[in-house]
PDB file of N, CA and C in Angstrom:
ATOM      1  N   MET A   1      41.712  13.041 -16.746  1.00  0.00           N
ATOM      2  CA  MET A   1      40.699  13.676 -17.569  1.00  0.00           C
ATOM      3  C   MET A   1      39.336  13.446 -16.912  1.00  0.00           C
ATOM      4  N   PRO A   2      38.524  14.517 -16.748  1.00  0.00           N
ATOM      5  CA  PRO A   2      37.226  14.359 -16.074  1.00  0.00           C
ATOM      6  C   PRO A   2      36.235  13.564 -16.929  1.00  0.00           C
ATOM      7  N   GLU A   3      35.383  12.845 -16.226  1.00  0.00           N
ATOM      8  CA  GLU A   3      34.342  12.059 -16.916  1.00  0.00           C
ATOM      9  C   GLU A   3      33.278  12.992 -17.473  1.00  0.00           C
ATOM     10  N   PRO A   4      32.670  12.624 -18.605  1.00  0.00           N
ATOM     11  CA  PRO A   4      31.608  13.475 -19.150  1.00  0.00           C
ATOM     12  C   PRO A   4      30.393  13.466 -18.203  1.00  0.00           C
ATOM     13  N   ALA A   5      29.776  14.611 -18.068  1.00  0.00           N
ATOM     14  CA  ALA A   5      28.619  14.753 -17.182  1.00  0.00           C
ATOM     15  C   ALA A   5      27.397  14.073 -17.814  1.00  0.00           C
ATOM     16  N   VAL A   6      26.626  13.410 -16.975  1.00  0.00           N
ATOM     17  CA  VAL A   6      25.393  12.763 -17.419  1.00  0.00           C
ATOM     18  C   VAL A   6      24.230  13.561 -16.859  1.00  0.00           C
ATOM     19  N   ASP A   7      23.325  13.966 -17.726  1.00  0.00           N
ATOM     20  CA  ASP A   7      22.170  14.749 -17.299  1.00  0.00           C
ATOM     21  C   ASP A   7      21.100  13.820 -16.733  1.00  0.00           C
ATOM     22  N   LEU A   8      20.874  13.898 -15.425  1.00  0.00           N
ATOM     23  CA  LEU A   8      19.855  13.083 -14.772  1.00  0.00           C
ATOM     24  C   LEU A   8      18.636  13.906 -14.377  1.00  0.00           C
ATOM     25  N   SER A   9      18.507  15.091 -14.950  1.00  0.00           N
ATOM     26  CA  SER A   9      17.404  15.966 -14.569  1.00  0.00           C
ATOM     27  C   SER A   9      16.053  15.411 -15.022  1.00  0.00           C
ATOM     28  N   TYR A  10      16.023  14.642 -16.092  1.00  0.00           N
ATOM     29  CA  TYR A  10      14.765  14.049 -16.542  1.00  0.00           C
ATOM     30  C   TYR A  10      14.905  12.533 -16.564  1.00  0.00           C
ATOM     31  N   THR A  11      14.154  11.899 -15.693  1.00  0.00           N
ATOM     32  CA  THR A  11      14.110  10.452 -15.663  1.00  0.00           C
ATOM     33  C   THR A  11      12.638  10.058 -15.711  1.00  0.00           C
ATOM     34  N   PRO A  12      12.196   9.409 -16.769  1.00  0.00           N
ATOM     35  CA  PRO A  12      10.775   9.069 -16.859  1.00  0.00           C
ATOM     36  C   PRO A  12      10.387   8.067 -15.777  1.00  0.00           C
ATOM     37  N   SER A  13       9.194   8.252 -15.240  1.00  0.00           N
ATOM     38  CA  SER A  13       8.691   7.356 -14.205  1.00  0.00           C
ATOM     39  C   SER A  13       8.241   6.035 -14.841  1.00  0.00           C
ATOM     40  N   PRO A  14       8.514   4.917 -14.181  1.00  0.00           N
ATOM     41  CA  PRO A  14       8.041   3.635 -14.706  1.00  0.00           C
ATOM     42  C   PRO A  14       6.545   3.431 -14.455  1.00  0.00           C
ATOM     43  N   HIS A  15       5.925   4.342 -13.694  1.00  0.00           N
ATOM     44  CA  HIS A  15       4.516   4.214 -13.353  1.00  0.00           C
ATOM     45  C   HIS A  15       3.674   5.165 -14.192  1.00  0.00           C
ATOM     46  N   SER A  16       2.491   4.715 -14.566  1.00  0.00           N
ATOM     47  CA  SER A  16       1.585   5.550 -15.345  1.00  0.00           C
ATOM     48  C   SER A  16       1.011   6.654 -14.451  1.00  0.00           C
ATOM     49  N   VAL A  17       0.401   7.640 -15.084  1.00  0.00           N
ATOM     50  CA  VAL A  17      -0.221   8.732 -14.338  1.00  0.00           C
ATOM     51  C   VAL A  17      -1.335   8.169 -13.446  1.00  0.00           C
ATOM     52  N   TRP A  18      -2.122   7.240 -13.960  1.00  0.00           N
ATOM     53  CA  TRP A  18      -3.206   6.623 -13.196  1.00  0.00           C
ATOM     54  C   TRP A  18      -2.645   5.894 -11.968  1.00  0.00           C
ATOM     55  N   ASN A  19      -1.567   5.166 -12.145  1.00  0.00           N
ATOM     56  CA  ASN A  19      -0.951   4.438 -11.045  1.00  0.00           C
ATOM     57  C   ASN A  19      -0.445   5.409  -9.979  1.00  0.00           C
ATOM     58  N   ARG A  20       0.176   6.483 -10.396  1.00  0.00           N
ATOM     59  CA  ARG A  20       0.679   7.474  -9.442  1.00  0.00           C
ATOM     60  C   ARG A  20      -0.464   8.160  -8.703  1.00  0.00           C
ATOM     61  N   ALA A  21      -1.582   8.416  -9.408  1.00  0.00           N
ATOM     62  CA  ALA A  21      -2.749   9.030  -8.757  1.00  0.00           C
ATOM     63  C   ALA A  21      -3.332   8.090  -7.703  1.00  0.00           C
ATOM     64  N   LEU A  22      -3.399   6.794  -8.018  1.00  0.00           N
ATOM     65  CA  LEU A  22      -3.905   5.825  -7.041  1.00  0.00           C
ATOM     66  C   LEU A  22      -2.982   5.710  -5.836  1.00  0.00           C
ATOM     67  N   ARG A  23      -1.691   5.737  -6.082  1.00  0.00           N
ATOM     68  CA  ARG A  23      -0.728   5.687  -4.968  1.00  0.00           C
ATOM     69  C   ARG A  23      -0.865   6.914  -4.074  1.00  0.00           C
ATOM     70  N   LEU A  24      -1.062   8.072  -4.678  1.00  0.00           N
ATOM     71  CA  LEU A  24      -1.245   9.300  -3.917  1.00  0.00           C
ATOM     72  C   LEU A  24      -2.534   9.242  -3.106  1.00  0.00           C
ATOM     73  N   ALA A  25      -3.622   8.773  -3.729  1.00  0.00           N
ATOM     74  CA  ALA A  25      -4.905   8.652  -3.028  1.00  0.00           C
ATOM     75  C   ALA A  25      -4.785   7.676  -1.859  1.00  0.00           C
ATOM     76  N   TRP A  26      -4.133   6.532  -2.081  1.00  0.00           N
ATOM     77  CA  TRP A  26      -3.961   5.555  -1.015  1.00  0.00           C
ATOM     78  C   TRP A  26      -3.104   6.128   0.109  1.00  0.00           C
ATOM     79  N   GLY A  27      -2.039   6.842  -0.231  1.00  0.00           N
ATOM     80  CA  GLY A  27      -1.178   7.430   0.789  1.00  0.00           C
ATOM     81  C   GLY A  27      -1.929   8.420   1.679  1.00  0.00           C
ATOM     82  N   GLY A  28      -2.759   9.257   1.072  1.00  0.00           N
ATOM     83  CA  GLY A  28      -3.561  10.207   1.850  1.00  0.00           C
ATOM     84  C   GLY A  28      -4.600   9.507   2.705  1.00  0.00           C
ATOM     85  N   PHE A  29      -5.254   8.509   2.119  1.00  0.00           N
ATOM     86  CA  PHE A  29      -6.261   7.739   2.852  1.00  0.00           C
ATOM     87  C   PHE A  29      -5.613   7.006   4.020  1.00  0.00           C
ATOM     88  N   TRP A  30      -4.452   6.397   3.781  1.00  0.00           N
ATOM     89  CA  TRP A  30      -3.744   5.670   4.836  1.00  0.00           C
ATOM     90  C   TRP A  30      -3.369   6.613   5.985  1.00  0.00           C
ATOM     91  N   LEU A  31      -2.849   7.779   5.623  1.00  0.00           N
ATOM     92  CA  LEU A  31      -2.387   8.732   6.628  1.00  0.00           C
ATOM     93  C   LEU A  31      -3.539   9.310   7.457  1.00  0.00           C
ATOM     94  N   LEU A  32      -4.658   9.638   6.808  1.00  0.00           N
ATOM     95  CA  LEU A  32      -5.748  10.324   7.497  1.00  0.00           C
ATOM     96  C   LEU A  32      -6.793   9.403   8.109  1.00  0.00           C
ATOM     97  N   ILE A  33      -6.998   8.210   7.551  1.00  0.00           N
ATOM     98  CA  ILE A  33      -8.096   7.348   8.005  1.00  0.00           C
ATOM     99  C   ILE A  33      -7.616   5.986   8.486  1.00  0.00           C
ATOM    100  N   PHE A  34      -6.812   5.319   7.693  1.00  0.00           N
ATOM    101  CA  PHE A  34      -6.390   3.950   8.005  1.00  0.00           C
ATOM    102  C   PHE A  34      -5.470   3.908   9.220  1.00  0.00           C
ATOM    103  N   ARG A  35      -4.414   4.678   9.193  1.00  0.00           N
ATOM    104  CA  ARG A  35      -3.389   4.654  10.250  1.00  0.00           C
ATOM    105  C   ARG A  35      -3.928   5.064  11.616  1.00  0.00           C
ATOM    106  N   PRO A  36      -4.759   6.115  11.730  1.00  0.00           N
ATOM    107  CA  PRO A  36      -5.242   6.508  13.057  1.00  0.00           C
ATOM    108  C   PRO A  36      -6.366   5.626  13.609  1.00  0.00           C
ATOM    109  N   SER A  37      -6.832   4.642  12.844  1.00  0.00           N
ATOM    110  CA  SER A  37      -7.944   3.813  13.327  1.00  0.00           C
ATOM    111  C   SER A  37      -7.515   2.991  14.541  1.00  0.00           C
ATOM    112  N   SER A  38      -8.479   2.687  15.365  1.00  0.00           N
ATOM    113  CA  SER A  38      -8.230   1.947  16.597  1.00  0.00           C
ATOM    114  C   SER A  38      -7.783   0.516  16.288  1.00  0.00           C
ATOM    115  N   PRO A  39      -6.831  -0.048  17.037  1.00  0.00           N
ATOM    116  CA  PRO A  39      -6.327  -1.397  16.747  1.00  0.00           C
ATOM    117  C   PRO A  39      -7.382  -2.497  16.627  1.00  0.00           C
ATOM    118  N   PRO A  40      -8.486  -2.503  17.406  1.00  0.00           N
ATOM    119  CA  PRO A  40      -9.444  -3.602  17.250  1.00  0.00           C
ATOM    120  C   PRO A  40     -10.342  -3.513  16.010  1.00  0.00           C
ATOM    121  N   LEU A  41     -10.223  -2.481  15.203  1.00  0.00           N
ATOM    122  CA  LEU A  41     -11.103  -2.310  14.037  1.00  0.00           C
ATOM    123  C   LEU A  41     -10.584  -3.053  12.805  1.00  0.00           C
ATOM    124  N   PHE A  42     -10.407  -4.356  12.937  1.00  0.00           N
ATOM    125  CA  PHE A  42      -9.866  -5.161  11.837  1.00  0.00           C
ATOM    126  C   PHE A  42     -10.801  -5.176  10.637  1.00  0.00           C
ATOM    127  N   ALA A  43     -12.112  -5.299  10.872  1.00  0.00           N
ATOM    128  CA  ALA A  43     -13.073  -5.344   9.767  1.00  0.00           C
ATOM    129  C   ALA A  43     -13.057  -4.040   8.982  1.00  0.00           C
ATOM    130  N   PHE A  44     -12.922  -2.915   9.669  1.00  0.00           N
ATOM    131  CA  PHE A  44     -12.865  -1.620   9.006  1.00  0.00           C
ATOM    132  C   PHE A  44     -11.640  -1.539   8.090  1.00  0.00           C
ATOM    133  N   ARG A  45     -10.479  -1.986   8.576  1.00  0.00           N
ATOM    134  CA  ARG A  45      -9.264  -1.924   7.760  1.00  0.00           C
ATOM    135  C   ARG A  45      -9.318  -2.916   6.599  1.00  0.00           C
ATOM    136  N   ARG A  46      -9.943  -4.072   6.801  1.00  0.00           N
ATOM    137  CA  ARG A  46     -10.137  -5.002   5.668  1.00  0.00           C
ATOM    138  C   ARG A  46     -10.983  -4.331   4.596  1.00  0.00           C
ATOM    139  N   LEU A  47     -12.048  -3.637   5.020  1.00  0.00           N
ATOM    140  CA  LEU A  47     -12.914  -2.928   4.074  1.00  0.00           C
ATOM    141  C   LEU A  47     -12.128  -1.843   3.336  1.00  0.00           C
ATOM    142  N   CYS A  48     -11.317  -1.096   4.062  1.00  0.00           N
ATOM    143  CA  CYS A  48     -10.511  -0.034   3.436  1.00  0.00           C
ATOM    144  C   CYS A  48      -9.591  -0.610   2.359  1.00  0.00           C
ATOM    145  N   LEU A  49      -8.917  -1.704   2.676  1.00  0.00           N
ATOM    146  CA  LEU A  49      -8.023  -2.322   1.689  1.00  0.00           C
ATOM    147  C   LEU A  49      -8.804  -2.859   0.501  1.00  0.00           C
ATOM    148  N   ARG A  50      -9.971  -3.419   0.755  1.00  0.00           N
ATOM    149  CA  ARG A  50     -10.803  -3.919  -0.350  1.00  0.00           C
ATOM    150  C   ARG A  50     -11.251  -2.791  -1.261  1.00  0.00           C
ATOM    151  N   LEU A  51     -11.526  -1.616  -0.681  1.00  0.00           N
ATOM    152  CA  LEU A  51     -11.917  -0.460  -1.496  1.00  0.00           C
ATOM    153  C   LEU A  51     -10.811  -0.053  -2.470  1.00  0.00           C
ATOM    154  N   PHE A  52      -9.572  -0.331  -2.107  1.00  0.00           N
ATOM    155  CA  PHE A  52      -8.441  -0.013  -2.967  1.00  0.00           C
ATOM    156  C   PHE A  52      -7.981  -1.231  -3.774  1.00  0.00           C
ATOM    157  N   GLY A  53      -8.800  -2.284  -3.819  1.00  0.00           N
ATOM    158  CA  GLY A  53      -8.545  -3.399  -4.716  1.00  0.00           C
ATOM    159  C   GLY A  53      -7.895  -4.630  -4.127  1.00  0.00           C
ATOM    160  N   ALA A  54      -7.625  -4.637  -2.836  1.00  0.00           N
ATOM    161  CA  ALA A  54      -6.994  -5.812  -2.229  1.00  0.00           C
ATOM    162  C   ALA A  54      -7.999  -6.961  -2.123  1.00  0.00           C
ATOM    163  N   ARG A  55      -7.485  -8.163  -2.138  1.00  0.00           N
ATOM    164  CA  ARG A  55      -8.309  -9.352  -1.943  1.00  0.00           C
ATOM    165  C   ARG A  55      -7.982  -9.896  -0.553  1.00  0.00           C
ATOM    166  N   ILE A  56      -8.892  -9.656   0.378  1.00  0.00           N
ATOM    167  CA  ILE A  56      -8.664  -9.984   1.776  1.00  0.00           C
ATOM    168  C   ILE A  56      -9.662 -11.043   2.212  1.00  0.00           C
ATOM    169  N   GLY A  57      -9.167 -12.115   2.810  1.00  0.00           N
ATOM    170  CA  GLY A  57     -10.020 -13.199   3.285  1.00  0.00           C
ATOM    171  C   GLY A  57     -10.721 -12.857   4.588  1.00  0.00           C
ATOM    172  N   LYS A  58     -11.753 -13.614   4.863  1.00  0.00           N
ATOM    173  CA  LYS A  58     -12.529 -13.415   6.074  1.00  0.00           C
ATOM    174  C   LYS A  58     -11.659 -13.716   7.295  1.00  0.00           C
ATOM    175  N   GLY A  59     -11.737 -12.867   8.293  1.00  0.00           N
ATOM    176  CA  GLY A  59     -10.999 -13.091   9.520  1.00  0.00           C
ATOM    177  C   GLY A  59      -9.539 -12.675   9.478  1.00  0.00           C
ATOM    178  N   ALA A  60      -9.086 -12.087   8.384  1.00  0.00           N
ATOM    179  CA  ALA A  60      -7.700 -11.621   8.315  1.00  0.00           C
ATOM    180  C   ALA A  60      -7.512 -10.430   9.254  1.00  0.00           C
ATOM    181  N   LEU A  61      -6.378 -10.378   9.895  1.00  0.00           N
ATOM    182  CA  LEU A  61      -6.082  -9.294  10.830  1.00  0.00           C
ATOM    183  C   LEU A  61      -5.108  -8.322  10.181  1.00  0.00           C
ATOM    184  N   VAL A  62      -5.534  -7.078  10.071  1.00  0.00           N
ATOM    185  CA  VAL A  62      -4.698  -6.030   9.478  1.00  0.00           C
ATOM    186  C   VAL A  62      -4.541  -4.938  10.536  1.00  0.00           C
ATOM    187  N   TYR A  63      -3.317  -4.745  10.981  1.00  0.00           N
ATOM    188  CA  TYR A  63      -3.048  -3.748  12.014  1.00  0.00           C
ATOM    189  C   TYR A  63      -2.848  -2.371  11.391  1.00  0.00           C
ATOM    190  N   PRO A  64      -3.133  -1.318  12.154  1.00  0.00           N
ATOM    191  CA  PRO A  64      -3.115   0.034  11.564  1.00  0.00           C
ATOM    192  C   PRO A  64      -1.749   0.539  11.130  1.00  0.00           C
ATOM    193  N   SER A  65      -0.667   0.038  11.696  1.00  0.00           N
ATOM    194  CA  SER A  65       0.645   0.582  11.334  1.00  0.00           C
ATOM    195  C   SER A  65       1.288  -0.129  10.149  1.00  0.00           C
ATOM    196  N   CYS A  66       0.607  -1.110   9.564  1.00  0.00           N
ATOM    197  CA  CYS A  66       1.188  -1.775   8.386  1.00  0.00           C
ATOM    198  C   CYS A  66       1.013  -0.881   7.161  1.00  0.00           C
ATOM    199  N   TRP A  67       1.835  -1.116   6.165  1.00  0.00           N
ATOM    200  CA  TRP A  67       1.805  -0.304   4.937  1.00  0.00           C
ATOM    201  C   TRP A  67       1.883  -1.223   3.731  1.00  0.00           C
ATOM    202  N   ALA A  68       0.947  -1.065   2.811  1.00  0.00           N
ATOM    203  CA  ALA A  68       0.972  -1.793   1.545  1.00  0.00           C
ATOM    204  C   ALA A  68       1.173  -0.761   0.440  1.00  0.00           C
ATOM    205  N   THR A  69       2.258  -0.881  -0.310  1.00  0.00           N
ATOM    206  CA  THR A  69       2.527   0.114  -1.348  1.00  0.00           C
ATOM    207  C   THR A  69       1.486   0.063  -2.459  1.00  0.00           C
ATOM    208  N   LEU A  70       1.036  -1.125  -2.802  1.00  0.00           N
ATOM    209  CA  LEU A  70       0.003  -1.296  -3.829  1.00  0.00           C
ATOM    210  C   LEU A  70      -1.104  -2.206  -3.286  1.00  0.00           C
ATOM    211  N   PRO A  71      -2.121  -1.649  -2.642  1.00  0.00           N
ATOM    212  CA  PRO A  71      -3.168  -2.503  -2.087  1.00  0.00           C
ATOM    213  C   PRO A  71      -3.861  -3.369  -3.143  1.00  0.00           C
ATOM    214  N   ARG A  72      -3.926  -2.906  -4.378  1.00  0.00           N
ATOM    215  CA  ARG A  72      -4.631  -3.695  -5.400  1.00  0.00           C
ATOM    216  C   ARG A  72      -3.893  -4.989  -5.739  1.00  0.00           C
ATOM    217  N   LYS A  73      -2.635  -5.095  -5.364  1.00  0.00           N
ATOM    218  CA  LYS A  73      -1.893  -6.329  -5.601  1.00  0.00           C
ATOM    219  C   LYS A  73      -1.736  -7.176  -4.338  1.00  0.00           C
ATOM    220  N   LEU A  74      -2.379  -6.750  -3.261  1.00  0.00           N
ATOM    221  CA  LEU A  74      -2.283  -7.475  -2.002  1.00  0.00           C
ATOM    222  C   LEU A  74      -3.356  -8.559  -1.944  1.00  0.00           C
ATOM    223  N   GLU A  75      -2.954  -9.755  -1.592  1.00  0.00           N
ATOM    224  CA  GLU A  75      -3.898 -10.861  -1.419  1.00  0.00           C
ATOM    225  C   GLU A  75      -3.588 -11.551  -0.094  1.00  0.00           C
ATOM    226  N   MET A  76      -4.605 -11.637   0.751  1.00  0.00           N
ATOM    227  CA  MET A  76      -4.476 -12.319   2.035  1.00  0.00           C
ATOM    228  C   MET A  76      -5.594 -13.343   2.140  1.00  0.00           C
ATOM    229  N   ARG A  77      -5.255 -14.527   2.575  1.00  0.00           N
ATOM    230  CA  ARG A  77      -6.261 -15.573   2.737  1.00  0.00           C
ATOM    231  C   ARG A  77      -6.900 -15.465   4.116  1.00  0.00           C
ATOM    232  N   ARG A  78      -7.800 -16.399   4.392  1.00  0.00           N
ATOM    233  CA  ARG A  78      -8.511 -16.400   5.677  1.00  0.00           C
ATOM    234  C   ARG A  78      -7.532 -16.527   6.845  1.00  0.00           C
ATOM    235  N   HIS A  79      -7.799 -15.749   7.874  1.00  0.00           N
ATOM    236  CA  HIS A  79      -7.082 -15.790   9.148  1.00  0.00           C
ATOM    237  C   HIS A  79      -5.579 -15.489   9.028  1.00  0.00           C
ATOM    238  N   CYS A  80      -5.180 -14.725   8.021  1.00  0.00           N
ATOM    239  CA  CYS A  80      -3.795 -14.260   7.920  1.00  0.00           C
ATOM    240  C   CYS A  80      -3.643 -12.987   8.745  1.00  0.00           C
ATOM    241  N   CYS A  81      -2.420 -12.600   9.000  1.00  0.00           N
ATOM    242  CA  CYS A  81      -2.175 -11.408   9.810  1.00  0.00           C
ATOM    243  C   CYS A  81      -1.123 -10.531   9.134  1.00  0.00           C
ATOM    244  N   LEU A  82      -1.421  -9.258   9.045  1.00  0.00           N
ATOM    245  CA  LEU A  82      -0.472  -8.252   8.580  1.00  0.00           C
ATOM    246  C   LEU A  82      -0.178  -7.391   9.800  1.00  0.00           C
ATOM    247  N   GLY A  83       0.915  -7.685  10.483  1.00  0.00           N
ATOM    248  CA  GLY A  83       1.193  -7.145  11.806  1.00  0.00           C
ATOM    249  C   GLY A  83       1.681  -5.708  11.828  1.00  0.00           C
ATOM    250  N   ASP A  84       1.964  -5.258  13.044  1.00  0.00           N
ATOM    251  CA  ASP A  84       2.434  -3.889  13.258  1.00  0.00           C
ATOM    252  C   ASP A  84       3.744  -3.631  12.529  1.00  0.00           C
ATOM    253  N   SER A  85       3.837  -2.483  11.920  1.00  0.00           N
ATOM    254  CA  SER A  85       5.049  -1.975  11.251  1.00  0.00           C
ATOM    255  C   SER A  85       5.522  -2.847  10.086  1.00  0.00           C
ATOM    256  N   VAL A  86       4.649  -3.661   9.521  1.00  0.00           N
ATOM    257  CA  VAL A  86       5.002  -4.479   8.348  1.00  0.00           C
ATOM    258  C   VAL A  86       4.851  -3.617   7.093  1.00  0.00           C
ATOM    259  N   ILE A  87       5.797  -3.767   6.190  1.00  0.00           N
ATOM    260  CA  ILE A  87       5.738  -3.051   4.909  1.00  0.00           C
ATOM    261  C   ILE A  87       5.636  -4.085   3.803  1.00  0.00           C
ATOM    262  N   CYS A  88       4.518  -4.083   3.077  1.00  0.00           N
ATOM    263  CA  CYS A  88       4.331  -4.983   1.932  1.00  0.00           C
ATOM    264  C   CYS A  88       4.692  -4.201   0.681  1.00  0.00           C
ATOM    265  N   CYS A  89       5.815  -4.513   0.124  1.00  0.00           N
ATOM    266  CA  CYS A  89       6.311  -3.807  -1.037  1.00  0.00           C
ATOM    267  C   CYS A  89       6.307  -4.727  -2.243  1.00  0.00           C
ATOM    268  N   LYS A  90       5.657  -4.295  -3.317  1.00  0.00           N
ATOM    269  CA  LYS A  90       5.569  -5.073  -4.551  1.00  0.00           C
ATOM    270  C   LYS A  90       5.009  -6.473  -4.304  1.00  0.00           C
ATOM    271  N   SER A  91       3.966  -6.547  -3.533  1.00  0.00           N
ATOM    272  CA  SER A  91       3.345  -7.840  -3.297  1.00  0.00           C
ATOM    273  C   SER A  91       2.668  -8.320  -4.585  1.00  0.00           C
ATOM    274  N   LEU A  92       2.823  -9.565  -4.884  1.00  0.00           N
ATOM    275  CA  LEU A  92       2.300 -10.132  -6.118  1.00  0.00           C
ATOM    276  C   LEU A  92       1.160 -11.089  -5.832  1.00  0.00           C
ATOM    277  N   ARG A  93       0.275 -11.225  -6.804  1.00  0.00           N
ATOM    278  CA  ARG A  93      -0.817 -12.188  -6.672  1.00  0.00           C
ATOM    279  C   ARG A  93      -0.359 -13.524  -7.138  1.00  0.00           C
TER     280      ARG A  93
END
């Protein structure tokens, strides 16, 4: 006997509209400005992350190919490094 079909066409998002808008804005900013920046521009990338709510310590190194899904929840202390191709997913304070 076949199993009853489950309608998965509507699944509510666990994220608010505001959260999704911020994620979209960060994704566009990352793609157009953050990612293409020159590797030695660490201060510029720290500023970019701070604009999106991250708490970044002085002297922290953030490379252009890293990705933070939620910059507002990212916290880095002094002289930390977020290296090439690192993905920070659900980082907590």
